[in-house]
Amino acid sequence: FAVAEVEAGPGLRGRALPGTVTALGALR
């Protein structure tokens, strides 16, 4: 687990689902 997270981490970027950021802004 530790090695994979170090080796794969830089290539794995979490991305928001489409429309989520806009919806959260509207809710706030």
PDB file of all heavy atoms in Angstrom:
ATOM      1  N   PHE A   1       0.834  -1.204   0.000  1.00  0.00           N
ATOM      2  CA  PHE A   1       0.000   0.000   0.000  1.00  0.00           C
ATOM      3  C   PHE A   1       0.867   1.252   0.000  1.00  0.00           C
ATOM      4  O   PHE A   1       0.631   2.190  -0.780  1.00  0.00           O
ATOM      5  CB  PHE A   1      -0.923   0.003   1.228  1.00  0.00           C
ATOM      6  CG  PHE A   1      -2.248  -0.677   1.006  1.00  0.00           C
ATOM      7  CD1 PHE A   1      -2.324  -1.942   0.440  1.00  0.00           C
ATOM      8  CD2 PHE A   1      -3.427  -0.055   1.372  1.00  0.00           C
ATOM      9  CE1 PHE A   1      -3.547  -2.577   0.235  1.00  0.00           C
ATOM     10  CE2 PHE A   1      -4.660  -0.677   1.176  1.00  0.00           C
ATOM     11  CZ  PHE A   1      -4.722  -1.927   0.612  1.00  0.00           C
ATOM     12  N   ALA A   2       1.856   1.279   0.888  1.00  0.00           N
ATOM     13  CA  ALA A   2       2.695   2.467   1.007  1.00  0.00           C
ATOM     14  C   ALA A   2       3.487   2.738  -0.265  1.00  0.00           C
ATOM     15  O   ALA A   2       3.550   3.879  -0.749  1.00  0.00           O
ATOM     16  CB  ALA A   2       3.646   2.309   2.197  1.00  0.00           C
ATOM     17  N   VAL A   3       4.091   1.700  -0.835  1.00  0.00           N
ATOM     18  CA  VAL A   3       4.889   1.874  -2.048  1.00  0.00           C
ATOM     19  C   VAL A   3       4.006   2.309  -3.214  1.00  0.00           C
ATOM     20  O   VAL A   3       4.364   3.220  -3.975  1.00  0.00           O
ATOM     21  CB  VAL A   3       5.626   0.557  -2.395  1.00  0.00           C
ATOM     22  CG1 VAL A   3       6.268   0.647  -3.782  1.00  0.00           C
ATOM     23  CG2 VAL A   3       6.684   0.259  -1.348  1.00  0.00           C
ATOM     24  N   ALA A   4       2.849   1.684  -3.367  1.00  0.00           N
ATOM     25  CA  ALA A   4       1.952   2.035  -4.470  1.00  0.00           C
ATOM     26  C   ALA A   4       1.499   3.488  -4.377  1.00  0.00           C
ATOM     27  O   ALA A   4       1.403   4.191  -5.390  1.00  0.00           O
ATOM     28  CB  ALA A   4       0.740   1.107  -4.471  1.00  0.00           C
ATOM     29  N   GLU A   5       1.224   3.937  -3.165  1.00  0.00           N
ATOM     30  CA  GLU A   5       0.746   5.308  -2.999  1.00  0.00           C
ATOM     31  C   GLU A   5       1.826   6.332  -3.312  1.00  0.00           C
ATOM     32  O   GLU A   5       1.534   7.418  -3.810  1.00  0.00           O
ATOM     33  CB  GLU A   5       0.189   5.480  -1.588  1.00  0.00           C
ATOM     34  CG  GLU A   5      -1.158   4.770  -1.432  1.00  0.00           C
ATOM     35  CD  GLU A   5      -1.515   4.425   0.000  1.00  0.00           C
ATOM     36  OE1 GLU A   5      -0.845   4.946   0.919  1.00  0.00           O
ATOM     37  OE2 GLU A   5      -2.456   3.632   0.204  1.00  0.00           O
ATOM     38  N   VAL A   6       3.085   5.955  -3.052  1.00  0.00           N
ATOM     39  CA  VAL A   6       4.198   6.852  -3.402  1.00  0.00           C
ATOM     40  C   VAL A   6       4.436   6.835  -4.905  1.00  0.00           C
ATOM     41  O   VAL A   6       4.600   7.886  -5.545  1.00  0.00           O
ATOM     42  CB  VAL A   6       5.476   6.443  -2.649  1.00  0.00           C
ATOM     43  CG1 VAL A   6       6.679   7.198  -3.199  1.00  0.00           C
ATOM     44  CG2 VAL A   6       5.326   6.721  -1.162  1.00  0.00           C
ATOM     45  N   GLU A   7       4.450   5.627  -5.490  1.00  0.00           N
ATOM     46  CA  GLU A   7       4.763   5.501  -6.917  1.00  0.00           C
ATOM     47  C   GLU A   7       3.626   6.000  -7.805  1.00  0.00           C
ATOM     48  O   GLU A   7       3.859   6.642  -8.831  1.00  0.00           O
ATOM     49  CB  GLU A   7       5.064   4.042  -7.247  1.00  0.00           C
ATOM     50  CG  GLU A   7       6.354   3.531  -6.621  1.00  0.00           C
ATOM     51  CD  GLU A   7       6.635   2.075  -6.957  1.00  0.00           C
ATOM     52  OE1 GLU A   7       5.737   1.399  -7.523  1.00  0.00           O
ATOM     53  OE2 GLU A   7       7.753   1.612  -6.677  1.00  0.00           O
ATOM     54  N   ALA A   8       2.391   5.689  -7.433  1.00  0.00           N
ATOM     55  CA  ALA A   8       1.254   6.058  -8.282  1.00  0.00           C
ATOM     56  C   ALA A   8       0.699   7.434  -7.952  1.00  0.00           C
ATOM     57  O   ALA A   8       0.053   8.060  -8.792  1.00  0.00           O
ATOM     58  CB  ALA A   8       0.142   5.020  -8.138  1.00  0.00           C
ATOM     59  N   GLY A   9       0.963   7.909  -6.734  1.00  0.00           N
ATOM     60  CA  GLY A   9       0.369   9.157  -6.266  1.00  0.00           C
ATOM     61  C   GLY A   9       0.489  10.345  -7.204  1.00  0.00           C
ATOM     62  O   GLY A   9      -0.516  11.007  -7.509  1.00  0.00           O
ATOM     63  N   PRO A  10       1.699  10.647  -7.709  1.00  0.00           N
ATOM     64  CA  PRO A  10       1.842  11.826  -8.574  1.00  0.00           C
ATOM     65  C   PRO A  10       0.986  11.767  -9.846  1.00  0.00           C
ATOM     66  O   PRO A  10       0.623  12.798 -10.394  1.00  0.00           O
ATOM     67  CB  PRO A  10       3.334  11.814  -8.922  1.00  0.00           C
ATOM     68  CG  PRO A  10       3.972  11.080  -7.785  1.00  0.00           C
ATOM     69  CD  PRO A  10       2.982  10.018  -7.414  1.00  0.00           C
ATOM     70  N   GLY A  11       0.675  10.564 -10.297  1.00  0.00           N
ATOM     71  CA  GLY A  11      -0.124  10.438 -11.520  1.00  0.00           C
ATOM     72  C   GLY A  11      -1.613  10.345 -11.271  1.00  0.00           C
ATOM     73  O   GLY A  11      -2.401  10.302 -12.213  1.00  0.00           O
ATOM     74  N   LEU A  12      -2.008  10.306 -10.000  1.00  0.00           N
ATOM     75  CA  LEU A  12      -3.420  10.198  -9.661  1.00  0.00           C
ATOM     76  C   LEU A  12      -3.905  11.499  -9.049  1.00  0.00           C
ATOM     77  O   LEU A  12      -3.524  11.872  -7.945  1.00  0.00           O
ATOM     78  CB  LEU A  12      -3.639   9.050  -8.666  1.00  0.00           C
ATOM     79  CG  LEU A  12      -3.470   7.636  -9.203  1.00  0.00           C
ATOM     80  CD1 LEU A  12      -3.614   6.638  -8.063  1.00  0.00           C
ATOM     81  CD2 LEU A  12      -4.504   7.349 -10.284  1.00  0.00           C
ATOM     82  N   ARG A  13      -4.735  12.189  -9.783  1.00  0.00           N
ATOM     83  CA  ARG A  13      -5.288  13.444  -9.301  1.00  0.00           C
ATOM     84  C   ARG A  13      -6.790  13.291  -9.136  1.00  0.00           C
ATOM     85  O   ARG A  13      -7.498  12.919 -10.072  1.00  0.00           O
ATOM     86  CB  ARG A  13      -5.006  14.571 -10.301  1.00  0.00           C
ATOM     87  CG  ARG A  13      -3.544  14.752 -10.635  1.00  0.00           C
ATOM     88  CD  ARG A  13      -2.782  15.426  -9.518  1.00  0.00           C
ATOM     89  NE  ARG A  13      -3.218  16.801  -9.336  1.00  0.00           N
ATOM     90  CZ  ARG A  13      -2.700  17.625  -8.437  1.00  0.00           C
ATOM     91  NH1 ARG A  13      -1.763  17.177  -7.625  1.00  0.00           N
ATOM     92  NH2 ARG A  13      -3.128  18.861  -8.330  1.00  0.00           N
ATOM     93  N   GLY A  14      -7.273  13.566  -7.943  1.00  0.00           N
ATOM     94  CA  GLY A  14      -8.710  13.518  -7.744  1.00  0.00           C
ATOM     95  C   GLY A  14      -9.400  14.601  -8.568  1.00  0.00           C
ATOM     96  O   GLY A  14      -8.911  15.734  -8.625  1.00  0.00           O
ATOM     97  N   ARG A  15     -10.481  14.246  -9.225  1.00  0.00           N
ATOM     98  CA  ARG A  15     -11.189  15.255 -10.008  1.00  0.00           C
ATOM     99  C   ARG A  15     -12.652  15.274  -9.579  1.00  0.00           C
ATOM    100  O   ARG A  15     -13.250  14.244  -9.286  1.00  0.00           O
ATOM    101  CB  ARG A  15     -11.065  14.980 -11.502  1.00  0.00           C
ATOM    102  CG  ARG A  15     -11.793  13.744 -11.985  1.00  0.00           C
ATOM    103  CD  ARG A  15     -11.505  13.480 -13.456  1.00  0.00           C
ATOM    104  NE  ARG A  15     -12.312  12.401 -13.984  1.00  0.00           N
ATOM    105  CZ  ARG A  15     -11.945  11.601 -14.986  1.00  0.00           C
ATOM    106  NH1 ARG A  15     -10.764  11.768 -15.546  1.00  0.00           N
ATOM    107  NH2 ARG A  15     -12.750  10.644 -15.423  1.00  0.00           N
ATOM    108  N   ALA A  16     -13.181  16.476  -9.537  1.00  0.00           N
ATOM    109  CA  ALA A  16     -14.576  16.635  -9.138  1.00  0.00           C
ATOM    110  C   ALA A  16     -15.492  16.118 -10.231  1.00  0.00           C
ATOM    111  O   ALA A  16     -15.179  16.206 -11.432  1.00  0.00           O
ATOM    112  CB  ALA A  16     -14.877  18.101  -8.865  1.00  0.00           C
ATOM    113  N   LEU A  17     -16.616  15.563  -9.825  1.00  0.00           N
ATOM    114  CA  LEU A  17     -17.622  15.146 -10.803  1.00  0.00           C
ATOM    115  C   LEU A  17     -18.206  16.372 -11.501  1.00  0.00           C
ATOM    116  O   LEU A  17     -18.277  17.458 -10.907  1.00  0.00           O
ATOM    117  CB  LEU A  17     -18.722  14.358 -10.100  1.00  0.00           C
ATOM    118  CG  LEU A  17     -18.285  12.950  -9.645  1.00  0.00           C
ATOM    119  CD1 LEU A  17     -19.188  12.426  -8.550  1.00  0.00           C
ATOM    120  CD2 LEU A  17     -18.284  12.000 -10.835  1.00  0.00           C
ATOM    121  N   PRO A  18     -18.600  16.236 -12.754  1.00  0.00           N
ATOM    122  CA  PRO A  18     -19.101  17.386 -13.515  1.00  0.00           C
ATOM    123  C   PRO A  18     -20.239  18.113 -12.801  1.00  0.00           C
ATOM    124  O   PRO A  18     -21.168  17.488 -12.295  1.00  0.00           O
ATOM    125  CB  PRO A  18     -19.591  16.750 -14.826  1.00  0.00           C
ATOM    126  CG  PRO A  18     -18.776  15.513 -14.965  1.00  0.00           C
ATOM    127  CD  PRO A  18     -18.573  14.998 -13.567  1.00  0.00           C
ATOM    128  N   GLY A  19     -20.139  19.437 -12.769  1.00  0.00           N
ATOM    129  CA  GLY A  19     -21.197  20.271 -12.209  1.00  0.00           C
ATOM    130  C   GLY A  19     -21.174  20.394 -10.702  1.00  0.00           C
ATOM    131  O   GLY A  19     -21.951  21.171 -10.130  1.00  0.00           O
ATOM    132  N   THR A  20     -20.272  19.663 -10.044  1.00  0.00           N
ATOM    133  CA  THR A  20     -20.268  19.654  -8.574  1.00  0.00           C
ATOM    134  C   THR A  20     -19.884  21.001  -7.982  1.00  0.00           C
ATOM    135  O   THR A  20     -20.542  21.502  -7.063  1.00  0.00           O
ATOM    136  CB  THR A  20     -19.305  18.565  -8.061  1.00  0.00           C
ATOM    137  OG1 THR A  20     -19.778  17.289  -8.492  1.00  0.00           O
ATOM    138  CG2 THR A  20     -19.217  18.591  -6.549  1.00  0.00           C
ATOM    139  N   VAL A  21     -18.819  21.601  -8.482  1.00  0.00           N
ATOM    140  CA  VAL A  21     -18.346  22.868  -7.916  1.00  0.00           C
ATOM    141  C   VAL A  21     -19.413  23.949  -8.050  1.00  0.00           C
ATOM    142  O   VAL A  21     -19.686  24.698  -7.104  1.00  0.00           O
ATOM    143  CB  VAL A  21     -17.034  23.304  -8.595  1.00  0.00           C
ATOM    144  CG1 VAL A  21     -16.622  24.683  -8.113  1.00  0.00           C
ATOM    145  CG2 VAL A  21     -15.929  22.289  -8.314  1.00  0.00           C
ATOM    146  N   THR A  22     -20.047  24.013  -9.210  1.00  0.00           N
ATOM    147  CA  THR A  22     -21.101  25.006  -9.425  1.00  0.00           C
ATOM    148  C   THR A  22     -22.282  24.778  -8.487  1.00  0.00           C
ATOM    149  O   THR A  22     -22.830  25.717  -7.901  1.00  0.00           O
ATOM    150  CB  THR A  22     -21.587  24.957 -10.880  1.00  0.00           C
ATOM    151  OG1 THR A  22     -20.491  25.261 -11.752  1.00  0.00           O
ATOM    152  CG2 THR A  22     -22.704  25.960 -11.124  1.00  0.00           C
ATOM    153  N   ALA A  23     -22.662  23.519  -8.322  1.00  0.00           N
ATOM    154  CA  ALA A  23     -23.795  23.189  -7.450  1.00  0.00           C
ATOM    155  C   ALA A  23     -23.492  23.544  -5.995  1.00  0.00           C
ATOM    156  O   ALA A  23     -24.358  24.088  -5.289  1.00  0.00           O
ATOM    157  CB  ALA A  23     -24.140  21.707  -7.575  1.00  0.00           C
ATOM    158  N   LEU A  24     -22.278  23.258  -5.547  1.00  0.00           N
ATOM    159  CA  LEU A  24     -21.919  23.587  -4.171  1.00  0.00           C
ATOM    160  C   LEU A  24     -21.967  25.096  -3.938  1.00  0.00           C
ATOM    161  O   LEU A  24     -22.399  25.562  -2.875  1.00  0.00           O
ATOM    162  CB  LEU A  24     -20.530  23.045  -3.848  1.00  0.00           C
ATOM    163  CG  LEU A  24     -20.386  21.518  -3.824  1.00  0.00           C
ATOM    164  CD1 LEU A  24     -18.928  21.129  -3.590  1.00  0.00           C
ATOM    165  CD2 LEU A  24     -21.270  20.896  -2.749  1.00  0.00           C
ATOM    166  N   GLY A  25     -21.538  25.854  -4.929  1.00  0.00           N
ATOM    167  CA  GLY A  25     -21.614  27.308  -4.826  1.00  0.00           C
ATOM    168  C   GLY A  25     -23.050  27.793  -4.708  1.00  0.00           C
ATOM    169  O   GLY A  25     -23.356  28.684  -3.900  1.00  0.00           O
ATOM    170  N   ALA A  26     -23.944  27.195  -5.486  1.00  0.00           N
ATOM    171  CA  ALA A  26     -25.353  27.577  -5.435  1.00  0.00           C
ATOM    172  C   ALA A  26     -25.973  27.221  -4.085  1.00  0.00           C
ATOM    173  O   ALA A  26     -26.762  27.987  -3.523  1.00  0.00           O
ATOM    174  CB  ALA A  26     -26.113  26.886  -6.568  1.00  0.00           C
ATOM    175  N   LEU A  27     -25.610  26.066  -3.557  1.00  0.00           N
ATOM    176  CA  LEU A  27     -26.137  25.641  -2.258  1.00  0.00           C
ATOM    177  C   LEU A  27     -25.666  26.573  -1.153  1.00  0.00           C
ATOM    178  O   LEU A  27     -26.439  26.956  -0.265  1.00  0.00           O
ATOM    179  CB  LEU A  27     -25.703  24.203  -1.966  1.00  0.00           C
ATOM    180  CG  LEU A  27     -26.344  23.134  -2.864  1.00  0.00           C
ATOM    181  CD1 LEU A  27     -25.574  21.823  -2.765  1.00  0.00           C
ATOM    182  CD2 LEU A  27     -27.808  22.915  -2.502  1.00  0.00           C
ATOM    183  N   ARG A  28     -24.412  26.960  -1.196  1.00  0.00           N
ATOM    184  CA  ARG A  28     -23.892  27.894  -0.190  1.00  0.00           C
ATOM    185  C   ARG A  28     -24.576  29.257  -0.301  1.00  0.00           C
ATOM    186  O   ARG A  28     -24.934  29.869   0.719  1.00  0.00           O
ATOM    187  CB  ARG A  28     -22.390  28.089  -0.363  1.00  0.00           C
ATOM    188  CG  ARG A  28     -21.543  26.906   0.075  1.00  0.00           C
ATOM    189  CD  ARG A  28     -20.080  27.308   0.080  1.00  0.00           C
ATOM    190  NE  ARG A  28     -19.765  28.196   1.174  1.00  0.00           N
ATOM    191  CZ  ARG A  28     -18.803  29.127   1.148  1.00  0.00           C
ATOM    192  NH1 ARG A  28     -18.078  29.300   0.046  1.00  0.00           N
ATOM    193  NH2 ARG A  28     -18.550  29.874   2.189  1.00  0.00           N
TER     194      ARG A  28
END
